[in-house]
N, C-alpha and C. Protein backbone atom coordinates (compact mmCIF):
# COMPACT_ATOMS: atom_id res chain seq x y z
N MET A 1 -26.19 -61.33 29.29
CA MET A 1 -25.79 -62.65 28.80
C MET A 1 -24.33 -62.64 28.36
N ALA A 2 -23.89 -61.51 27.81
CA ALA A 2 -22.49 -61.42 27.38
C ALA A 2 -21.57 -61.48 28.59
N LEU A 3 -21.97 -60.82 29.68
CA LEU A 3 -21.16 -60.80 30.89
C LEU A 3 -20.87 -62.22 31.38
N LEU A 4 -21.85 -63.10 31.29
CA LEU A 4 -21.70 -64.46 31.79
C LEU A 4 -21.35 -65.46 30.69
N ASP A 5 -21.08 -64.95 29.50
CA ASP A 5 -20.67 -65.78 28.36
C ASP A 5 -21.71 -66.86 28.03
N ILE A 6 -22.97 -66.44 27.97
CA ILE A 6 -24.03 -67.40 27.66
C ILE A 6 -24.90 -66.96 26.49
N ALA A 7 -24.53 -65.89 25.81
CA ALA A 7 -25.33 -65.39 24.68
C ALA A 7 -25.50 -66.46 23.61
N ARG A 8 -24.50 -67.31 23.46
CA ARG A 8 -24.57 -68.35 22.41
C ARG A 8 -25.60 -69.44 22.72
N PHE A 9 -26.18 -69.41 23.93
CA PHE A 9 -27.14 -70.44 24.32
C PHE A 9 -28.59 -69.98 24.19
N THR A 10 -28.83 -68.78 23.68
CA THR A 10 -30.19 -68.23 23.67
C THR A 10 -31.19 -69.07 22.88
N GLU A 11 -30.74 -69.75 21.87
CA GLU A 11 -31.65 -70.55 21.04
C GLU A 11 -31.69 -72.03 21.46
N ARG A 12 -30.95 -72.37 22.49
CA ARG A 12 -30.90 -73.78 22.92
C ARG A 12 -31.93 -74.06 24.00
N ASN A 13 -32.40 -75.28 24.03
CA ASN A 13 -33.29 -75.74 25.09
C ASN A 13 -32.52 -75.70 26.40
N PRO A 14 -33.04 -75.07 27.44
CA PRO A 14 -32.31 -75.00 28.71
C PRO A 14 -31.92 -76.36 29.26
N PHE A 15 -32.70 -77.37 28.95
CA PHE A 15 -32.41 -78.72 29.47
C PHE A 15 -31.29 -79.42 28.70
N ASP A 16 -30.82 -78.78 27.62
CA ASP A 16 -29.67 -79.30 26.88
C ASP A 16 -28.36 -78.67 27.34
N LEU A 17 -28.44 -77.75 28.30
CA LEU A 17 -27.25 -77.06 28.80
C LEU A 17 -26.61 -77.87 29.93
N SER A 18 -25.33 -77.63 30.13
CA SER A 18 -24.65 -78.28 31.26
C SER A 18 -25.10 -77.61 32.55
N GLY A 19 -24.73 -78.20 33.68
CA GLY A 19 -25.10 -77.64 34.97
C GLY A 19 -24.56 -76.24 35.16
N GLY A 20 -23.29 -76.03 34.80
CA GLY A 20 -22.68 -74.71 34.94
C GLY A 20 -23.36 -73.69 34.03
N GLN A 21 -23.70 -74.11 32.82
CA GLN A 21 -24.38 -73.22 31.89
C GLN A 21 -25.76 -72.85 32.42
N MET A 22 -26.48 -73.82 32.98
CA MET A 22 -27.81 -73.55 33.53
C MET A 22 -27.72 -72.61 34.73
N GLN A 23 -26.71 -72.79 35.58
CA GLN A 23 -26.55 -71.90 36.73
C GLN A 23 -26.25 -70.48 36.26
N ARG A 24 -25.38 -70.34 35.26
CA ARG A 24 -25.08 -69.01 34.73
C ARG A 24 -26.32 -68.39 34.11
N MET A 25 -27.15 -69.20 33.46
CA MET A 25 -28.40 -68.71 32.87
C MET A 25 -29.33 -68.22 33.99
N ALA A 26 -29.40 -68.95 35.08
CA ALA A 26 -30.23 -68.54 36.21
C ALA A 26 -29.72 -67.23 36.82
N ILE A 27 -28.41 -67.11 36.95
CA ILE A 27 -27.82 -65.89 37.48
C ILE A 27 -28.10 -64.72 36.53
N ALA A 28 -28.04 -64.96 35.22
CA ALA A 28 -28.33 -63.91 34.24
C ALA A 28 -29.76 -63.42 34.39
N SER A 29 -30.69 -64.32 34.68
CA SER A 29 -32.08 -63.89 34.84
C SER A 29 -32.24 -63.00 36.06
N ILE A 30 -31.41 -63.21 37.07
CA ILE A 30 -31.43 -62.34 38.26
C ILE A 30 -30.82 -60.99 37.92
N ILE A 31 -29.71 -61.01 37.17
CA ILE A 31 -29.02 -59.77 36.81
C ILE A 31 -29.94 -58.87 35.98
N ALA A 32 -30.82 -59.47 35.19
CA ALA A 32 -31.73 -58.69 34.36
C ALA A 32 -32.62 -57.77 35.20
N MET A 33 -32.77 -58.07 36.47
CA MET A 33 -33.58 -57.24 37.37
C MET A 33 -32.76 -56.11 38.00
N ASN A 34 -31.48 -55.99 37.63
CA ASN A 34 -30.58 -54.95 38.14
C ASN A 34 -30.51 -54.88 39.67
N PRO A 35 -30.24 -55.98 40.33
CA PRO A 35 -30.15 -55.95 41.78
C PRO A 35 -28.83 -55.33 42.24
N GLU A 36 -28.82 -54.78 43.43
CA GLU A 36 -27.59 -54.30 44.03
C GLU A 36 -26.89 -55.44 44.78
N VAL A 37 -27.71 -56.40 45.23
CA VAL A 37 -27.22 -57.53 46.01
C VAL A 37 -27.84 -58.80 45.45
N ILE A 38 -27.01 -59.85 45.34
CA ILE A 38 -27.49 -61.17 44.93
C ILE A 38 -27.07 -62.14 46.02
N ILE A 39 -28.00 -62.98 46.45
CA ILE A 39 -27.70 -64.01 47.44
C ILE A 39 -27.82 -65.37 46.76
N LEU A 40 -26.75 -66.15 46.83
CA LEU A 40 -26.71 -67.46 46.21
C LEU A 40 -26.49 -68.52 47.29
N ASP A 41 -27.35 -69.51 47.30
CA ASP A 41 -27.25 -70.59 48.29
C ASP A 41 -26.76 -71.85 47.61
N GLU A 42 -25.51 -72.21 47.88
CA GLU A 42 -24.89 -73.41 47.31
C GLU A 42 -25.06 -73.48 45.78
N PRO A 43 -24.65 -72.46 45.06
CA PRO A 43 -24.87 -72.46 43.61
C PRO A 43 -24.06 -73.50 42.85
N THR A 44 -23.08 -74.12 43.48
CA THR A 44 -22.25 -75.10 42.78
C THR A 44 -22.42 -76.51 43.34
N SER A 45 -23.40 -76.71 44.19
CA SER A 45 -23.50 -78.00 44.90
C SER A 45 -23.70 -79.20 43.98
N GLN A 46 -24.34 -79.02 42.86
CA GLN A 46 -24.62 -80.14 41.96
C GLN A 46 -23.75 -80.10 40.71
N LEU A 47 -22.68 -79.32 40.76
CA LEU A 47 -21.88 -79.12 39.55
C LEU A 47 -20.55 -79.84 39.60
N ASP A 48 -20.05 -80.20 38.43
CA ASP A 48 -18.71 -80.77 38.32
C ASP A 48 -17.70 -79.63 38.47
N PRO A 49 -16.41 -79.96 38.57
CA PRO A 49 -15.40 -78.91 38.77
C PRO A 49 -15.45 -77.81 37.71
N GLN A 50 -15.65 -78.14 36.46
CA GLN A 50 -15.71 -77.12 35.40
C GLN A 50 -16.92 -76.21 35.60
N GLY A 51 -18.06 -76.80 35.90
CA GLY A 51 -19.26 -76.01 36.14
C GLY A 51 -19.10 -75.10 37.35
N SER A 52 -18.47 -75.60 38.39
CA SER A 52 -18.21 -74.78 39.59
C SER A 52 -17.32 -73.60 39.24
N GLU A 53 -16.28 -73.85 38.47
CA GLU A 53 -15.37 -72.78 38.07
C GLU A 53 -16.11 -71.73 37.26
N GLU A 54 -16.99 -72.16 36.35
CA GLU A 54 -17.76 -71.21 35.54
C GLU A 54 -18.62 -70.31 36.42
N VAL A 55 -19.26 -70.89 37.42
CA VAL A 55 -20.11 -70.10 38.30
C VAL A 55 -19.29 -69.13 39.12
N PHE A 56 -18.16 -69.57 39.67
CA PHE A 56 -17.32 -68.67 40.45
C PHE A 56 -16.76 -67.54 39.60
N GLN A 57 -16.40 -67.83 38.36
CA GLN A 57 -15.92 -66.77 37.47
C GLN A 57 -17.05 -65.77 37.18
N ALA A 58 -18.26 -66.27 37.01
CA ALA A 58 -19.40 -65.39 36.77
C ALA A 58 -19.64 -64.49 37.99
N VAL A 59 -19.55 -65.07 39.18
CA VAL A 59 -19.74 -64.29 40.40
C VAL A 59 -18.65 -63.23 40.53
N GLN A 60 -17.43 -63.58 40.15
CA GLN A 60 -16.33 -62.62 40.21
C GLN A 60 -16.61 -61.44 39.27
N LYS A 61 -17.13 -61.72 38.08
CA LYS A 61 -17.47 -60.65 37.14
C LYS A 61 -18.55 -59.74 37.71
N LEU A 62 -19.52 -60.32 38.38
CA LEU A 62 -20.59 -59.52 38.99
C LEU A 62 -20.01 -58.60 40.06
N SER A 63 -19.14 -59.14 40.87
CA SER A 63 -18.51 -58.37 41.93
C SER A 63 -17.70 -57.22 41.35
N GLN A 64 -16.99 -57.48 40.26
CA GLN A 64 -16.19 -56.44 39.62
C GLN A 64 -17.07 -55.33 39.05
N ARG A 65 -18.32 -55.66 38.77
CA ARG A 65 -19.26 -54.66 38.27
C ARG A 65 -19.95 -53.89 39.39
N GLY A 66 -19.59 -54.20 40.63
CA GLY A 66 -20.16 -53.48 41.77
C GLY A 66 -21.38 -54.11 42.39
N ILE A 67 -21.73 -55.31 41.97
CA ILE A 67 -22.86 -56.02 42.57
C ILE A 67 -22.34 -56.80 43.77
N THR A 68 -22.98 -56.63 44.90
CA THR A 68 -22.61 -57.38 46.10
C THR A 68 -23.18 -58.79 45.98
N VAL A 69 -22.31 -59.78 46.13
CA VAL A 69 -22.75 -61.18 46.05
C VAL A 69 -22.48 -61.82 47.40
N ILE A 70 -23.54 -62.33 48.00
CA ILE A 70 -23.44 -63.09 49.24
C ILE A 70 -23.70 -64.53 48.87
N MET A 71 -22.75 -65.39 49.19
CA MET A 71 -22.85 -66.78 48.76
C MET A 71 -22.63 -67.72 49.93
N VAL A 72 -23.54 -68.67 50.08
CA VAL A 72 -23.36 -69.77 51.01
C VAL A 72 -22.72 -70.88 50.21
N GLU A 73 -21.56 -71.34 50.64
CA GLU A 73 -20.81 -72.32 49.85
C GLU A 73 -19.89 -73.11 50.76
N HIS A 74 -19.67 -74.37 50.40
CA HIS A 74 -18.80 -75.23 51.20
C HIS A 74 -17.50 -75.59 50.51
N LYS A 75 -17.26 -75.07 49.34
CA LYS A 75 -16.02 -75.34 48.61
C LYS A 75 -14.98 -74.31 49.03
N MET A 76 -14.22 -74.66 50.07
CA MET A 76 -13.32 -73.70 50.70
C MET A 76 -12.23 -73.19 49.77
N GLU A 77 -11.70 -74.04 48.89
CA GLU A 77 -10.67 -73.57 47.96
C GLU A 77 -11.22 -72.46 47.06
N LYS A 78 -12.45 -72.64 46.61
CA LYS A 78 -13.07 -71.62 45.75
C LYS A 78 -13.38 -70.36 46.54
N ILE A 79 -13.88 -70.52 47.75
CA ILE A 79 -14.17 -69.36 48.60
C ILE A 79 -12.88 -68.58 48.84
N ALA A 80 -11.81 -69.29 49.17
CA ALA A 80 -10.53 -68.63 49.43
C ALA A 80 -10.03 -67.87 48.21
N ALA A 81 -10.19 -68.44 47.04
CA ALA A 81 -9.66 -67.84 45.82
C ALA A 81 -10.50 -66.68 45.29
N TYR A 82 -11.81 -66.73 45.51
CA TYR A 82 -12.69 -65.75 44.86
C TYR A 82 -13.33 -64.73 45.79
N SER A 83 -13.20 -64.89 47.10
CA SER A 83 -13.91 -64.01 48.02
C SER A 83 -13.05 -62.86 48.53
N ASP A 84 -13.70 -61.74 48.73
CA ASP A 84 -13.05 -60.61 49.37
C ASP A 84 -13.16 -60.73 50.89
N ARG A 85 -14.30 -61.23 51.33
CA ARG A 85 -14.58 -61.39 52.75
C ARG A 85 -15.26 -62.74 52.97
N VAL A 86 -15.00 -63.34 54.13
CA VAL A 86 -15.60 -64.62 54.49
C VAL A 86 -16.29 -64.45 55.84
N MET A 87 -17.52 -64.94 55.89
CA MET A 87 -18.26 -64.94 57.14
C MET A 87 -18.28 -66.36 57.67
N LEU A 88 -17.73 -66.55 58.85
CA LEU A 88 -17.72 -67.86 59.49
C LEU A 88 -18.86 -67.91 60.48
N LEU A 89 -19.78 -68.83 60.25
CA LEU A 89 -20.93 -69.01 61.13
C LEU A 89 -20.86 -70.39 61.76
N ASP A 90 -21.36 -70.50 62.98
CA ASP A 90 -21.45 -71.79 63.64
C ASP A 90 -22.75 -71.80 64.42
N ASP A 91 -23.63 -72.72 64.06
CA ASP A 91 -24.93 -72.85 64.73
C ASP A 91 -25.67 -71.51 64.72
N GLY A 92 -25.59 -70.81 63.60
CA GLY A 92 -26.30 -69.55 63.44
C GLY A 92 -25.64 -68.35 64.09
N LYS A 93 -24.50 -68.55 64.71
CA LYS A 93 -23.80 -67.46 65.38
C LYS A 93 -22.61 -67.00 64.55
N LEU A 94 -22.44 -65.69 64.49
CA LEU A 94 -21.31 -65.11 63.78
C LEU A 94 -20.04 -65.32 64.59
N ILE A 95 -19.07 -66.03 64.00
CA ILE A 95 -17.79 -66.28 64.66
C ILE A 95 -16.75 -65.29 64.15
N ASP A 96 -16.74 -65.03 62.85
CA ASP A 96 -15.74 -64.15 62.28
C ASP A 96 -16.25 -63.62 60.95
N PHE A 97 -15.78 -62.45 60.58
CA PHE A 97 -16.08 -61.86 59.28
C PHE A 97 -14.88 -61.04 58.88
N ASP A 98 -14.07 -61.59 57.97
CA ASP A 98 -12.81 -60.94 57.62
C ASP A 98 -12.34 -61.48 56.28
N THR A 99 -11.10 -61.17 55.93
CA THR A 99 -10.52 -61.66 54.69
C THR A 99 -10.38 -63.19 54.76
N PRO A 100 -10.33 -63.86 53.61
CA PRO A 100 -10.11 -65.31 53.64
C PRO A 100 -8.82 -65.68 54.37
N GLN A 101 -7.78 -64.88 54.20
CA GLN A 101 -6.51 -65.18 54.84
C GLN A 101 -6.65 -65.17 56.36
N LYS A 102 -7.34 -64.18 56.89
CA LYS A 102 -7.49 -64.08 58.35
C LYS A 102 -8.41 -65.17 58.88
N VAL A 103 -9.53 -65.39 58.21
CA VAL A 103 -10.47 -66.40 58.70
C VAL A 103 -9.85 -67.80 58.63
N PHE A 104 -9.18 -68.12 57.50
CA PHE A 104 -8.64 -69.46 57.34
C PHE A 104 -7.31 -69.65 58.08
N SER A 105 -6.80 -68.61 58.72
CA SER A 105 -5.62 -68.75 59.58
C SER A 105 -6.01 -68.97 61.04
N ARG A 106 -7.29 -69.00 61.33
CA ARG A 106 -7.75 -69.22 62.71
C ARG A 106 -7.34 -70.62 63.17
N ASP A 107 -7.00 -70.71 64.44
CA ASP A 107 -6.62 -72.00 65.02
C ASP A 107 -7.83 -72.87 65.37
N ASP A 108 -9.02 -72.28 65.43
CA ASP A 108 -10.19 -73.01 65.91
C ASP A 108 -11.19 -73.39 64.81
N LEU A 109 -10.77 -73.42 63.57
CA LEU A 109 -11.71 -73.73 62.48
C LEU A 109 -12.38 -75.09 62.67
N ALA A 110 -11.62 -76.10 63.04
CA ALA A 110 -12.18 -77.45 63.21
C ALA A 110 -13.27 -77.45 64.27
N GLU A 111 -13.12 -76.65 65.30
CA GLU A 111 -14.14 -76.57 66.35
C GLU A 111 -15.46 -76.05 65.80
N HIS A 112 -15.39 -75.34 64.69
CA HIS A 112 -16.59 -74.78 64.06
C HIS A 112 -17.03 -75.59 62.85
N GLY A 113 -16.43 -76.76 62.67
CA GLY A 113 -16.83 -77.64 61.59
C GLY A 113 -16.34 -77.22 60.22
N VAL A 114 -15.25 -76.47 60.18
CA VAL A 114 -14.73 -75.96 58.91
C VAL A 114 -13.32 -76.50 58.69
N GLN A 115 -13.08 -76.97 57.50
CA GLN A 115 -11.73 -77.38 57.11
C GLN A 115 -11.16 -76.28 56.24
N ALA A 116 -10.00 -75.78 56.62
CA ALA A 116 -9.35 -74.71 55.86
C ALA A 116 -9.02 -75.20 54.45
N PRO A 117 -8.84 -74.28 53.51
CA PRO A 117 -8.41 -74.67 52.17
C PRO A 117 -7.08 -75.42 52.23
N ALA A 118 -6.82 -76.22 51.23
CA ALA A 118 -5.63 -77.08 51.21
C ALA A 118 -4.34 -76.30 51.44
N PHE A 119 -4.18 -75.15 50.81
CA PHE A 119 -2.92 -74.42 50.95
C PHE A 119 -2.74 -73.88 52.37
N ALA A 120 -3.84 -73.52 53.03
CA ALA A 120 -3.74 -73.08 54.42
C ALA A 120 -3.36 -74.26 55.32
N ARG A 121 -3.92 -75.43 55.05
CA ARG A 121 -3.58 -76.62 55.85
C ARG A 121 -2.12 -77.00 55.64
N ILE A 122 -1.66 -76.93 54.40
CA ILE A 122 -0.26 -77.24 54.10
C ILE A 122 0.66 -76.22 54.77
N GLY A 123 0.32 -74.94 54.65
CA GLY A 123 1.11 -73.89 55.28
C GLY A 123 1.20 -74.09 56.78
N ARG A 124 0.07 -74.42 57.39
CA ARG A 124 0.05 -74.65 58.83
C ARG A 124 0.94 -75.85 59.18
N GLY A 125 0.82 -76.92 58.41
CA GLY A 125 1.62 -78.12 58.68
C GLY A 125 3.11 -77.88 58.55
N LEU A 126 3.48 -77.03 57.61
CA LEU A 126 4.90 -76.72 57.39
C LEU A 126 5.37 -75.52 58.23
N GLY A 127 4.42 -74.87 58.88
CA GLY A 127 4.78 -73.67 59.63
C GLY A 127 5.16 -72.52 58.74
N VAL A 128 4.56 -72.45 57.56
CA VAL A 128 4.89 -71.42 56.57
C VAL A 128 3.76 -70.41 56.49
N LYS A 129 4.10 -69.16 56.71
CA LYS A 129 3.14 -68.07 56.59
C LYS A 129 3.64 -67.07 55.56
N ASN A 130 2.73 -66.30 55.04
CA ASN A 130 3.10 -65.24 54.11
C ASN A 130 3.90 -64.20 54.89
N PRO A 131 5.11 -63.90 54.46
CA PRO A 131 5.95 -62.95 55.22
C PRO A 131 5.36 -61.55 55.30
N LYS A 132 4.53 -61.17 54.35
CA LYS A 132 3.94 -59.83 54.35
C LYS A 132 2.76 -59.72 55.31
N THR A 133 1.98 -60.81 55.42
CA THR A 133 0.75 -60.75 56.22
C THR A 133 0.82 -61.55 57.52
N ASN A 134 1.81 -62.43 57.63
CA ASN A 134 1.94 -63.34 58.77
C ASN A 134 0.72 -64.24 58.92
N MET A 135 0.11 -64.58 57.78
CA MET A 135 -1.05 -65.49 57.76
C MET A 135 -0.74 -66.65 56.83
N TYR A 136 -1.45 -67.73 57.03
CA TYR A 136 -1.26 -68.90 56.16
C TYR A 136 -1.77 -68.58 54.76
N PRO A 137 -1.11 -69.13 53.75
CA PRO A 137 -1.58 -68.91 52.37
C PRO A 137 -2.90 -69.63 52.14
N VAL A 138 -3.74 -69.05 51.30
CA VAL A 138 -5.02 -69.70 51.00
C VAL A 138 -5.15 -70.05 49.52
N THR A 139 -4.24 -69.56 48.69
CA THR A 139 -4.26 -69.86 47.26
C THR A 139 -2.88 -70.32 46.83
N LEU A 140 -2.79 -70.88 45.65
CA LEU A 140 -1.51 -71.32 45.10
C LEU A 140 -0.53 -70.16 45.02
N GLU A 141 -1.00 -69.02 44.55
CA GLU A 141 -0.14 -67.85 44.41
C GLU A 141 0.43 -67.42 45.77
N GLU A 142 -0.41 -67.42 46.78
CA GLU A 142 0.06 -67.04 48.11
C GLU A 142 1.02 -68.08 48.67
N ALA A 143 0.79 -69.36 48.40
CA ALA A 143 1.71 -70.41 48.87
C ALA A 143 3.06 -70.24 48.20
N ARG A 144 3.05 -69.96 46.91
CA ARG A 144 4.29 -69.74 46.17
C ARG A 144 5.06 -68.57 46.78
N GLU A 145 4.35 -67.48 47.06
CA GLU A 145 4.97 -66.30 47.64
C GLU A 145 5.53 -66.60 49.03
N ALA A 146 4.81 -67.39 49.81
CA ALA A 146 5.27 -67.71 51.17
C ALA A 146 6.48 -68.64 51.15
N LEU A 147 6.56 -69.52 50.17
CA LEU A 147 7.65 -70.48 50.11
C LEU A 147 8.92 -69.93 49.47
N VAL A 148 8.74 -68.95 48.57
CA VAL A 148 9.89 -68.36 47.90
C VAL A 148 10.26 -67.09 48.66
N LYS A 149 11.25 -67.21 49.50
CA LYS A 149 11.62 -66.09 50.36
C LYS A 149 12.81 -65.35 49.82
């Protein structure tokens, strides 16, 4: 509970918690089983931006502790910022499995029904790539690095 910053909610009715707090509580109940792998299917789909951020931060903490987290998610900006690897699927077929930078720099994302994160779209539109990786930026930090030469 401390890992997910929810210890202060132990005495509260779960139905009085926010969406992000309830999701973190659900994730904590899974962590209590000491899994090596956690699979989350759209864990932020019903959450506001703050709740989504809380869940992604919780997932990042789990990953830092060595727990493998596989997440199905459609929030590309969050995926780009928090993921080590991205699996691009189309109609159940594996199209790509690589870093967010490599996957979101693909020219054929739209053909697979995926819109790249905003910074990758902006980088593509401006023709700006990260000079170190030769890929489009996927986060604010990477965009800043690509623009400041």
